[in-house]
Amino acid sequence: FDHAWNGYRVDGRTLTMEVDNDPDPIWLDVDGLRAEVTAALHAAPDETWQVRIVARSRRTLAASLPVPALGWTAARPVESDVGGMPPDSVQVESDGRRLTNGLLTVTVADDGTFDLESADGTIAGGVGRIVDGGDFGDSYNYGPPGSDTLVDAPSAVAVETLLSGPVVSRLLVRREYDWPRGVASDGSARTAERVPVEVLTRLELRAGEPFVRVELAFENRSDDHRVRFHLPLPRATGRSHAEGQFAVVERGLSGEGGYREEPLGTYPAHGWVDAGGIAVLLEHLAEYELVEDGAELTLTVLRSIGLISRNDNPYRQDPAGPAIPIPDAQMRGRRHLRFALFPHSGDWAAGGVASAAERYRHPLLATPGHGHDADAWPPSMAGDDALAIEGDGVNLTSLRRRDGGWIELRLVNLDGDRRRAVVRGGLLEAREASLRGEPGETLAIDGDRLELQLGPAEVRTIQLRRRETAVGRPEVLDAAGPRQNA
């Protein structure tokens, strides 16, 4: 049941085994338990025992903690009659349809869409329309049925508050639809039979974050269809920018097409896609398209298909591969998609999209501590000598240890202009390295600072030697955080 044994009580002839999320705590004395139960059995061998398994009561608290980049911090919950309020705390308005934290305001409309307004005045209205349409394509190309039926209006909408707190607040939007069951075998139209679908949209706003976290969930019971999430843009545009592999790719409204093949304006995005003053921050690879002459951005939530290649694909005259069914390609069952929306002024570079995407897709790692008050890591030590990297448009893509006490990091300049990157944090030596990790020329360090000039779209690998700072009895802090000392 996702619990671990971490405590016990012996009361007469009742043995209570306590379980929780924290396995093998230091206070769990198995030998002591064995001795105590053995002594009781010897004293009264014929007595009947009762064994209980009890989950410890647990309360989840949200906290806003300062944590340095590539560093760590420690915290301990304490009893207090006065609760602290974090900067840019979150509020839920009395009507239960609005979230605000001073950086972003989210307002849910009657149809289940929502409006976004950032602190810089950027506004996106009617965000989140769900559009379901037929897909008579295959794994290579989307293709609509001859007569498509688009479903974009819910039959019922309900909004409820899931969390209301100064650190994090959540709203849940429930929308009910009736989607066609599938597409006719000849691809002429979608079927008349409908199936009910409830689409859940969870909106989460956290203190200090300029973007809203979105989670979509629904049970897919239809075949041969495509579901997309529509975002009307703050300003229409004919260009989109999306993160790819070590680069930002700029694209227009339509694709290149090919021989006897309909051009498609759908493209992949790796970490984010930005257009017209709003960025979609992604956890995984996703498909997007600019539609309505650049007035809207769509995000593909689901493509439900059946074949590797369809010989009668309406958008391609020649087969692209074998007409063989793909197992589970209809994507039946529970589907989830998580992303964040970040409205901003300026273009992606000036708006800080790359930095916001890094913040979104790299959540904090947390682990419970077992030390006593006297030897717990103090918060005042958090981040001392931790590795830090500064530079607009410069992303860290790799960080690992190398032999000989070296730390290797890889940087990429996503911008089309030259950028400056600064690396600091207990530096002793620095040198260039190849993509294979082969050492190169020595780099000059200015005190505790290494300054690098990166050209447009340049990928740079460097290796560092750093001093280690003791932060406990056997632990040390280095670029990757606490580790066991050999």
Protein backbone atom coordinates (compact mmCIF):
# COMPACT_ATOMS: atom_id res chain seq x y z
CA PHE A 1 0.00 0.00 0.00
CA ASP A 2 2.96 2.34 -0.65
CA HIS A 3 3.86 2.33 3.05
CA ALA A 4 6.90 1.07 4.93
CA TRP A 5 7.30 -0.25 8.47
CA ASN A 6 8.88 2.45 10.61
CA GLY A 7 7.67 2.03 14.19
CA TYR A 8 5.94 -0.18 16.74
CA ARG A 9 4.20 -0.22 20.11
CA VAL A 10 3.70 -3.10 22.54
CA ASP A 11 0.73 -2.61 24.89
CA GLY A 12 0.14 -5.74 26.95
CA ARG A 13 -0.75 -8.41 24.39
CA THR A 14 -1.30 -5.95 21.53
CA LEU A 15 1.47 -5.39 19.01
CA THR A 16 0.95 -2.32 16.85
CA MET A 17 3.08 -2.05 13.71
CA GLU A 18 3.25 1.55 12.49
CA VAL A 19 3.72 2.26 8.77
CA ASP A 20 4.46 5.49 6.94
CA ASN A 21 6.19 6.82 3.82
CA ASP A 22 9.57 6.96 5.56
CA PRO A 23 11.37 3.55 5.45
CA ASP A 24 14.00 2.35 7.95
CA PRO A 25 14.18 5.38 10.27
CA ILE A 26 17.01 5.48 12.79
CA TRP A 27 14.60 5.10 15.71
CA LEU A 28 13.30 1.70 14.47
CA ASP A 29 14.86 -0.79 16.92
CA VAL A 30 14.10 -4.24 15.51
CA ASP A 31 16.27 -6.02 18.08
CA GLY A 32 14.50 -4.18 20.87
CA LEU A 33 11.11 -5.22 19.51
CA ARG A 34 12.20 -8.86 19.23
CA ALA A 35 13.50 -8.87 22.79
CA GLU A 36 10.37 -7.22 24.18
CA VAL A 37 7.96 -9.60 22.43
CA THR A 38 10.08 -12.66 23.28
CA ALA A 39 10.09 -11.74 26.97
CA ALA A 40 6.32 -11.29 26.95
CA LEU A 41 5.81 -14.66 25.24
CA HIS A 42 7.99 -16.46 27.79
CA ALA A 43 6.09 -14.83 30.64
CA ALA A 44 2.68 -15.88 29.29
CA PRO A 45 3.08 -18.40 26.43
CA ASP A 46 -0.62 -19.30 26.21
CA GLU A 47 -1.97 -15.77 25.92
CA THR A 48 -3.63 -14.62 22.67
CA TRP A 49 -2.00 -11.68 20.92
CA GLN A 50 -3.56 -9.07 18.72
CA VAL A 51 -1.44 -7.63 15.88
CA ARG A 52 -2.47 -4.34 14.31
CA ILE A 53 -1.01 -2.45 11.34
CA VAL A 54 -1.70 1.27 11.64
CA ALA A 55 -0.73 4.06 9.25
CA ARG A 56 0.64 7.10 11.03
CA SER A 57 -1.50 10.20 10.73
CA ARG A 58 0.04 12.61 8.26
CA ARG A 59 -0.65 16.20 7.32
CA THR A 60 0.83 17.70 4.17
CA LEU A 61 2.09 21.27 4.49
CA ALA A 62 3.14 23.49 1.60
CA ALA A 63 6.16 25.69 2.26
CA SER A 64 8.00 28.30 0.23
CA LEU A 65 11.76 27.83 0.76
CA PRO A 66 14.73 29.62 -0.80
CA VAL A 67 16.96 27.07 -2.55
CA PRO A 68 20.03 28.13 -4.55
CA ALA A 69 20.61 26.81 -8.05
CA LEU A 70 22.34 23.40 -7.94
CA GLY A 71 22.33 23.70 -4.15
CA TRP A 72 20.31 22.45 -1.24
CA THR A 73 18.61 23.61 1.90
CA ALA A 74 17.22 22.01 5.05
CA ALA A 75 13.96 22.78 6.81
CA ARG A 76 12.05 21.56 9.84
CA PRO A 77 8.32 22.08 10.53
CA VAL A 78 7.58 23.83 13.81
CA GLU A 79 4.41 24.65 15.70
CA SER A 80 3.39 28.28 15.45
CA ASP A 81 0.32 30.38 16.16
CA VAL A 82 1.31 32.84 13.44
CA GLY A 83 1.63 31.58 9.87
CA GLY A 84 4.13 33.27 7.59
CA MET A 85 3.11 34.63 4.21
CA PRO A 86 5.53 34.07 1.31
CA PRO A 87 6.24 36.83 -1.20
CA ASP A 88 3.72 36.81 -4.06
CA SER A 89 1.38 34.60 -2.03
CA VAL A 90 -1.57 32.99 -3.81
CA GLN A 91 -5.18 33.96 -3.25
CA VAL A 92 -8.43 32.37 -4.40
CA GLU A 93 -11.19 34.91 -4.92
CA SER A 94 -14.50 34.41 -3.11
CA ASP A 95 -16.29 33.25 -6.27
CA GLY A 96 -13.89 30.28 -6.52
CA ARG A 97 -13.01 31.07 -10.14
CA ARG A 98 -9.95 33.28 -9.85
CA LEU A 99 -6.36 32.65 -8.74
CA THR A 100 -3.82 35.42 -8.32
CA ASN A 101 -0.32 35.74 -6.87
CA GLY A 102 0.71 39.24 -7.93
CA LEU A 103 2.59 37.88 -10.95
CA LEU A 104 -0.29 36.18 -12.75
CA THR A 105 -4.08 36.15 -12.52
CA VAL A 106 -6.14 33.19 -13.77
CA THR A 107 -9.90 33.61 -14.20
CA VAL A 108 -12.17 30.71 -15.23
CA ALA A 109 -15.12 31.53 -17.53
CA ASP A 110 -18.54 29.89 -17.65
CA ASP A 111 -17.57 27.71 -20.63
CA GLY A 112 -14.54 26.26 -18.81
CA THR A 113 -11.92 28.28 -20.64
CA PHE A 114 -9.83 30.76 -18.68
CA ASP A 115 -8.18 34.15 -19.01
CA LEU A 116 -4.56 34.92 -18.13
CA GLU A 117 -3.19 38.33 -17.18
CA SER A 118 0.46 38.78 -16.24
CA ALA A 119 1.94 41.55 -14.10
CA ASP A 120 3.37 43.22 -17.22
CA GLY A 121 -0.14 43.57 -18.70
CA THR A 122 -0.04 40.69 -21.17
CA ILE A 123 -3.54 39.22 -21.54
CA ALA A 124 -4.68 35.97 -23.14
CA GLY A 125 -8.43 35.33 -23.14
CA GLY A 126 -10.46 32.19 -23.77
CA VAL A 127 -7.53 29.86 -23.18
CA GLY A 128 -8.11 26.12 -22.98
CA ARG A 129 -10.84 25.39 -25.51
CA ILE A 130 -10.83 21.62 -26.13
CA VAL A 131 -11.47 20.65 -29.76
CA ASP A 132 -12.09 17.04 -30.78
CA GLY A 133 -11.98 16.15 -34.48
CA GLY A 134 -11.69 13.07 -36.66
CA ASP A 135 -8.32 11.65 -37.74
CA PHE A 136 -8.26 9.24 -40.69
CA GLY A 137 -4.48 9.47 -40.88
CA ASP A 138 -1.67 7.24 -39.72
CA SER A 139 1.62 7.34 -37.82
CA TYR A 140 3.17 9.51 -40.55
CA ASN A 141 0.49 12.08 -41.41
CA TYR A 142 -2.67 13.48 -39.93
CA GLY A 143 -5.63 13.33 -42.30
CA PRO A 144 -9.23 14.44 -41.63
CA PRO A 145 -12.24 12.36 -42.68
CA GLY A 146 -14.12 13.49 -45.79
CA SER A 147 -16.78 15.20 -43.68
CA ASP A 148 -15.38 16.03 -40.29
CA THR A 149 -17.35 16.75 -37.13
CA LEU A 150 -15.63 19.05 -34.64
CA VAL A 151 -16.77 19.05 -31.01
CA ASP A 152 -15.57 22.11 -29.10
CA ALA A 153 -18.46 23.09 -26.80
CA PRO A 154 -19.04 21.24 -23.52
CA SER A 155 -22.53 20.19 -22.53
CA ALA A 156 -21.85 20.95 -18.85
CA VAL A 157 -19.19 22.82 -16.86
CA ALA A 158 -18.40 22.81 -13.14
CA VAL A 159 -15.61 24.55 -11.21
CA GLU A 160 -14.39 23.65 -7.73
CA THR A 161 -11.58 24.73 -5.43
CA LEU A 162 -9.15 21.94 -4.58
CA LEU A 163 -6.62 23.95 -2.56
CA SER A 164 -6.69 27.46 -1.20
CA GLY A 165 -3.46 28.52 0.47
CA PRO A 166 -0.82 31.21 0.35
CA VAL A 167 1.82 28.86 -1.13
CA VAL A 168 -0.24 26.89 -3.66
CA SER A 169 -3.86 27.01 -4.82
CA ARG A 170 -5.70 24.77 -7.28
CA LEU A 171 -8.93 24.91 -9.21
CA LEU A 172 -10.55 21.96 -10.97
CA VAL A 173 -12.64 22.53 -14.09
CA ARG A 174 -14.95 19.68 -15.13
CA ARG A 175 -16.25 19.73 -18.71
CA GLU A 176 -18.55 17.12 -20.23
CA TYR A 177 -18.59 16.33 -23.96
CA ASP A 178 -20.12 13.82 -26.35
CA TRP A 179 -17.45 12.65 -28.80
CA PRO A 180 -18.12 10.47 -31.86
CA ARG A 181 -17.17 6.84 -31.29
CA GLY A 182 -14.97 6.62 -34.41
CA VAL A 183 -14.72 7.15 -38.18
CA ALA A 184 -16.53 5.22 -40.92
CA SER A 185 -14.40 2.48 -42.51
CA ASP A 186 -14.21 4.39 -45.80
CA GLY A 187 -13.15 7.61 -44.06
CA SER A 188 -16.17 9.51 -45.31
CA ALA A 189 -17.31 10.86 -41.92
CA ARG A 190 -17.27 10.33 -38.19
CA THR A 191 -19.79 7.90 -36.76
CA ALA A 192 -23.17 9.01 -35.48
CA GLU A 193 -22.69 7.08 -32.25
CA ARG A 194 -21.43 9.28 -29.41
CA VAL A 195 -19.71 8.48 -26.13
CA PRO A 196 -19.74 10.74 -23.05
CA VAL A 197 -16.38 12.11 -21.93
CA GLU A 198 -15.49 14.21 -18.90
CA VAL A 199 -12.36 16.32 -19.38
CA LEU A 200 -10.73 17.47 -16.14
CA THR A 201 -8.53 20.57 -16.18
CA ARG A 202 -6.54 21.25 -13.03
CA LEU A 203 -5.13 24.77 -12.74
CA GLU A 204 -2.39 25.30 -10.16
CA LEU A 205 -0.77 28.60 -9.19
CA ARG A 206 2.19 28.75 -6.81
CA ALA A 207 3.69 31.61 -4.87
CA GLY A 208 6.42 33.36 -6.83
CA GLU A 209 5.72 31.64 -10.17
CA PRO A 210 4.73 33.71 -13.24
CA PHE A 211 3.10 30.73 -14.96
CA VAL A 212 0.06 28.54 -14.29
CA ARG A 213 0.47 24.77 -14.17
CA VAL A 214 -2.14 22.87 -16.19
CA GLU A 215 -3.05 19.19 -16.05
CA LEU A 216 -5.57 17.59 -18.41
CA ALA A 217 -7.11 14.18 -17.75
CA PHE A 218 -9.86 12.18 -19.44
CA GLU A 219 -10.89 8.65 -20.36
CA ASN A 220 -10.48 8.07 -24.09
CA ARG A 221 -13.26 5.84 -25.40
CA SER A 222 -13.13 6.89 -29.06
CA ASP A 223 -11.04 5.80 -32.05
CA ASP A 224 -9.51 7.68 -34.98
CA HIS A 225 -9.64 11.20 -33.60
CA ARG A 226 -7.44 14.10 -32.54
CA VAL A 227 -7.87 16.21 -29.41
CA ARG A 228 -6.25 19.64 -29.22
CA PHE A 229 -5.93 22.40 -26.60
CA HIS A 230 -6.41 25.89 -28.09
CA LEU A 231 -4.71 29.07 -26.88
CA PRO A 232 -5.81 32.40 -28.36
CA LEU A 233 -2.64 34.50 -28.47
CA PRO A 234 -2.19 37.91 -26.82
CA ARG A 235 -1.09 39.15 -30.26
CA ALA A 236 -1.35 37.45 -33.65
CA THR A 237 1.89 36.31 -35.24
CA GLY A 238 3.12 34.44 -38.26
CA ARG A 239 6.11 32.89 -36.47
CA SER A 240 6.61 30.41 -33.66
CA HIS A 241 9.75 29.51 -31.72
CA ALA A 242 10.28 26.11 -30.14
CA GLU A 243 13.13 24.52 -28.26
CA GLY A 244 14.70 21.60 -30.07
CA GLN A 245 18.02 19.82 -29.61
CA PHE A 246 20.57 22.47 -28.55
CA ALA A 247 18.69 25.11 -30.55
CA VAL A 248 15.58 27.26 -30.83
CA VAL A 249 13.78 26.64 -34.13
CA GLU A 250 11.76 29.42 -35.79
CA ARG A 251 8.86 28.30 -37.98
CA GLY A 252 6.06 29.84 -40.03
CA LEU A 253 2.40 29.00 -40.46
CA SER A 254 2.68 26.16 -42.98
CA GLY A 255 4.93 23.19 -43.60
CA GLU A 256 7.01 22.30 -46.62
CA GLY A 257 4.84 19.46 -47.91
CA GLY A 258 6.27 17.11 -50.51
CA TYR A 259 5.52 15.08 -53.60
CA ARG A 260 1.76 14.40 -53.64
CA GLU A 261 1.61 15.19 -49.93
CA GLU A 262 -0.43 17.89 -48.18
CA PRO A 263 1.78 20.29 -46.18
CA LEU A 264 1.04 20.27 -42.45
CA GLY A 265 1.72 23.09 -40.02
CA THR A 266 2.20 20.79 -37.03
CA TYR A 267 5.68 20.71 -35.51
CA PRO A 268 7.49 19.18 -32.51
CA ALA A 269 8.65 21.09 -29.43
CA HIS A 270 11.06 19.68 -26.88
CA GLY A 271 10.98 21.90 -23.79
CA TRP A 272 8.76 24.82 -24.78
CA VAL A 273 7.02 26.57 -27.64
CA ASP A 274 6.41 30.32 -27.77
CA ALA A 275 4.24 32.48 -30.03
CA GLY A 276 2.56 35.87 -29.79
CA GLY A 277 3.35 36.56 -26.15
CA ILE A 278 2.58 33.22 -24.54
CA ALA A 279 4.79 30.18 -23.98
CA VAL A 280 3.76 26.59 -23.38
CA LEU A 281 6.27 25.01 -20.98
CA LEU A 282 6.54 21.27 -21.53
CA GLU A 283 7.61 18.19 -19.57
CA HIS A 284 7.94 16.01 -22.67
CA LEU A 285 8.03 16.24 -26.45
CA ALA A 286 4.76 17.67 -27.80
CA GLU A 287 3.16 18.71 -31.09
CA TYR A 288 1.88 22.22 -31.78
CA GLU A 289 0.47 24.31 -34.62
CA LEU A 290 -0.30 27.97 -35.29
CA VAL A 291 -3.86 28.26 -36.66
CA GLU A 292 -6.41 30.95 -37.51
CA ASP A 293 -3.78 32.92 -39.46
CA GLY A 294 -1.54 33.07 -36.43
CA ALA A 295 -4.22 34.12 -33.92
CA GLU A 296 -4.21 30.83 -31.99
CA LEU A 297 -1.70 28.23 -30.89
CA THR A 298 -2.84 24.62 -30.53
CA LEU A 299 -1.27 21.84 -28.50
CA THR A 300 -2.01 18.24 -29.49
CA VAL A 301 -3.33 16.39 -26.45
CA LEU A 302 -4.10 13.09 -28.21
CA ARG A 303 -3.82 11.47 -31.65
CA SER A 304 -5.79 8.23 -31.82
CA ILE A 305 -4.87 6.20 -34.94
CA GLY A 306 -4.81 2.58 -36.05
CA LEU A 307 -2.20 1.95 -38.75
CA ILE A 308 1.48 2.45 -39.43
CA SER A 309 0.53 3.73 -42.90
CA ARG A 310 -2.95 4.16 -44.37
CA ASN A 311 -3.12 3.63 -48.12
CA ASP A 312 -6.12 5.96 -48.45
CA ASN A 313 -4.77 8.74 -46.21
CA PRO A 314 -6.58 11.85 -47.48
CA TYR A 315 -3.46 14.02 -47.06
CA ARG A 316 -1.04 11.67 -48.86
CA GLN A 317 -1.53 9.95 -52.20
CA ASP A 318 1.18 7.30 -51.87
CA PRO A 319 1.75 4.83 -49.02
CA ALA A 320 4.50 5.76 -46.57
CA GLY A 321 4.88 2.26 -45.15
CA PRO A 322 2.99 -0.98 -44.50
CA ALA A 323 -0.73 -0.89 -43.69
CA ILE A 324 -0.20 -2.80 -40.46
CA PRO A 325 -2.14 -2.10 -37.24
CA ILE A 326 -0.18 -0.59 -34.35
CA PRO A 327 -0.97 -2.19 -30.99
CA ASP A 328 -2.70 0.26 -28.61
CA ALA A 329 -2.27 3.19 -31.05
CA GLN A 330 -5.92 4.14 -30.49
CA MET A 331 -4.77 5.23 -27.02
CA ARG A 332 -7.83 3.94 -25.20
CA GLY A 333 -8.01 4.46 -21.46
CA ARG A 334 -6.99 7.19 -19.05
CA ARG A 335 -4.89 9.95 -20.62
CA HIS A 336 -2.93 12.71 -18.86
CA LEU A 337 -1.00 15.73 -20.09
CA ARG A 338 0.82 18.29 -17.95
CA PHE A 339 2.28 21.63 -19.02
CA ALA A 340 2.41 25.27 -17.94
CA LEU A 341 1.36 28.54 -19.58
CA PHE A 342 3.55 31.62 -19.32
CA PRO A 343 2.25 34.92 -20.77
CA HIS A 344 4.92 37.58 -21.21
CA SER A 345 5.88 40.76 -23.05
CA GLY A 346 8.55 40.82 -25.75
CA ASP A 347 9.87 37.81 -27.63
CA TRP A 348 10.93 34.51 -26.09
CA ALA A 349 14.44 35.75 -25.27
CA ALA A 350 13.40 39.07 -23.71
CA GLY A 351 10.50 37.42 -21.90
CA GLY A 352 12.70 34.87 -20.12
CA VAL A 353 10.96 31.83 -21.59
CA ALA A 354 14.01 29.52 -21.44
CA SER A 355 14.54 30.30 -17.75
CA ALA A 356 10.84 29.76 -16.94
CA ALA A 357 10.91 26.42 -18.78
CA GLU A 358 13.94 25.28 -16.77
CA ARG A 359 12.18 26.26 -13.57
CA TYR A 360 9.05 24.36 -14.55
CA ARG A 361 10.50 21.09 -15.77
CA HIS A 362 13.11 20.61 -13.03
CA PRO A 363 11.18 20.17 -9.77
CA LEU A 364 12.93 20.11 -6.43
CA LEU A 365 14.04 16.76 -5.05
CA ALA A 366 13.12 16.27 -1.39
CA THR A 367 14.04 13.61 1.13
CA PRO A 368 13.21 13.27 4.84
CA GLY A 369 16.03 13.74 7.32
CA HIS A 370 16.75 11.47 10.27
CA GLY A 371 19.25 13.51 12.28
CA HIS A 372 18.71 14.86 15.75
CA ASP A 373 18.50 18.59 16.44
CA ALA A 374 22.17 18.75 17.33
CA ASP A 375 23.52 17.37 14.06
CA ALA A 376 20.90 18.30 11.44
CA TRP A 377 22.17 20.32 8.49
CA PRO A 378 21.48 23.97 9.34
CA PRO A 379 19.66 26.09 6.74
CA SER A 380 22.45 28.68 7.05
CA MET A 381 24.77 26.23 5.25
CA ALA A 382 22.41 25.85 2.30
CA GLY A 383 24.11 26.46 -1.00
CA ASP A 384 27.51 27.47 0.38
CA ASP A 385 30.01 26.89 -2.42
CA ALA A 386 27.28 25.35 -4.60
CA LEU A 387 27.86 25.61 -8.32
CA ALA A 388 26.01 28.52 -9.94
CA ILE A 389 25.62 29.48 -13.60
CA GLU A 390 24.46 32.88 -14.83
CA GLY A 391 23.65 34.05 -18.34
CA ASP A 392 20.54 35.05 -20.29
CA GLY A 393 19.67 32.46 -22.92
CA VAL A 394 22.34 30.06 -21.63
CA ASN A 395 21.13 26.62 -20.53
CA LEU A 396 22.90 23.88 -18.59
CA THR A 397 22.28 20.59 -20.43
CA SER A 398 24.64 18.19 -18.66
CA LEU A 399 26.42 17.97 -15.30
CA ARG A 400 28.44 14.95 -14.16
CA ARG A 401 31.58 13.84 -12.35
CA ARG A 402 34.75 12.85 -14.18
CA ASP A 403 37.79 10.95 -12.94
CA GLY A 404 40.36 12.82 -10.91
CA GLY A 405 37.89 15.00 -9.02
CA TRP A 406 36.71 16.93 -12.08
CA ILE A 407 33.15 18.13 -12.66
CA GLU A 408 32.00 18.35 -16.29
CA LEU A 409 29.24 20.66 -17.43
CA ARG A 410 27.81 21.45 -20.84
CA LEU A 411 26.25 24.79 -21.77
CA VAL A 412 24.30 25.85 -24.84
CA ASN A 413 23.51 29.36 -26.03
CA LEU A 414 19.93 29.17 -27.29
CA ASP A 415 19.99 32.74 -28.58
CA GLY A 416 20.91 33.92 -32.06
CA ASP A 417 23.33 36.50 -30.60
CA ARG A 418 26.51 36.16 -28.59
CA ARG A 419 25.92 35.64 -24.89
CA ARG A 420 28.06 35.78 -21.76
CA ALA A 421 27.96 32.96 -19.20
CA VAL A 422 29.45 33.13 -15.71
CA VAL A 423 30.24 30.00 -13.69
CA ARG A 424 31.07 30.33 -9.98
CA GLY A 425 31.22 28.22 -6.83
CA GLY A 426 34.45 27.08 -5.19
CA LEU A 427 36.42 26.92 -8.44
CA LEU A 428 40.08 25.85 -8.35
CA GLU A 429 40.76 24.93 -11.99
CA ALA A 430 38.92 25.01 -15.32
CA ARG A 431 39.60 23.58 -18.76
CA GLU A 432 37.88 23.08 -22.09
CA ALA A 433 36.60 19.62 -23.06
CA SER A 434 35.24 17.93 -26.15
CA LEU A 435 31.76 16.44 -26.43
CA ARG A 436 33.40 13.10 -25.65
CA GLY A 437 34.90 14.49 -22.44
CA GLU A 438 38.48 14.74 -23.70
CA PRO A 439 40.39 17.47 -21.77
CA GLY A 440 41.42 20.60 -23.68
CA GLU A 441 43.02 23.97 -23.02
CA THR A 442 43.22 25.47 -19.55
CA LEU A 443 40.80 28.33 -18.84
CA ALA A 444 41.62 31.34 -16.68
CA ILE A 445 39.69 31.77 -13.43
CA ASP A 446 39.18 35.19 -11.91
CA GLY A 447 38.97 34.48 -8.19
CA ASP A 448 35.88 32.31 -7.82
CA ARG A 449 34.54 33.14 -11.26
CA LEU A 450 34.85 31.74 -14.78
CA GLU A 451 33.55 33.93 -17.59
CA LEU A 452 32.72 32.42 -21.00
CA GLN A 453 31.68 34.03 -24.27
CA LEU A 454 29.30 31.84 -26.27
CA GLY A 455 28.51 32.42 -29.92
CA PRO A 456 25.05 31.98 -31.46
CA ALA A 457 23.77 28.42 -30.85
CA GLU A 458 27.18 27.40 -29.50
CA VAL A 459 27.51 24.24 -27.39
CA ARG A 460 30.37 24.42 -24.89
CA THR A 461 31.75 21.67 -22.63
CA ILE A 462 34.06 22.56 -19.73
CA GLN A 463 35.55 20.69 -16.80
CA LEU A 464 36.08 22.13 -13.32
CA ARG A 465 37.96 21.24 -10.17
CA ARG A 466 36.29 22.61 -7.05
CA ARG A 467 36.99 22.77 -3.35
CA GLU A 468 34.74 20.69 -1.14
CA THR A 469 33.13 22.05 2.00
CA ALA A 470 32.27 19.76 4.89
CA VAL A 471 28.67 20.17 6.03
CA GLY A 472 28.21 17.39 8.53
CA ARG A 473 30.04 14.39 9.86
CA PRO A 474 30.61 12.14 6.78
CA GLU A 475 28.98 14.32 4.13
CA VAL A 476 30.39 16.89 1.72
CA LEU A 477 28.71 19.36 -0.58
CA ASP A 478 29.75 19.57 -4.20
CA ALA A 479 28.19 20.55 -7.51
CA ALA A 480 25.72 17.70 -7.42
CA GLY A 481 24.74 18.25 -3.77
CA PRO A 482 25.49 16.13 -0.67
CA ARG A 483 27.15 12.76 -1.24
CA GLN A 484 28.94 10.15 0.85
CA ASN A 485 32.62 10.84 1.41
CA ALA A 486 34.90 7.93 0.44
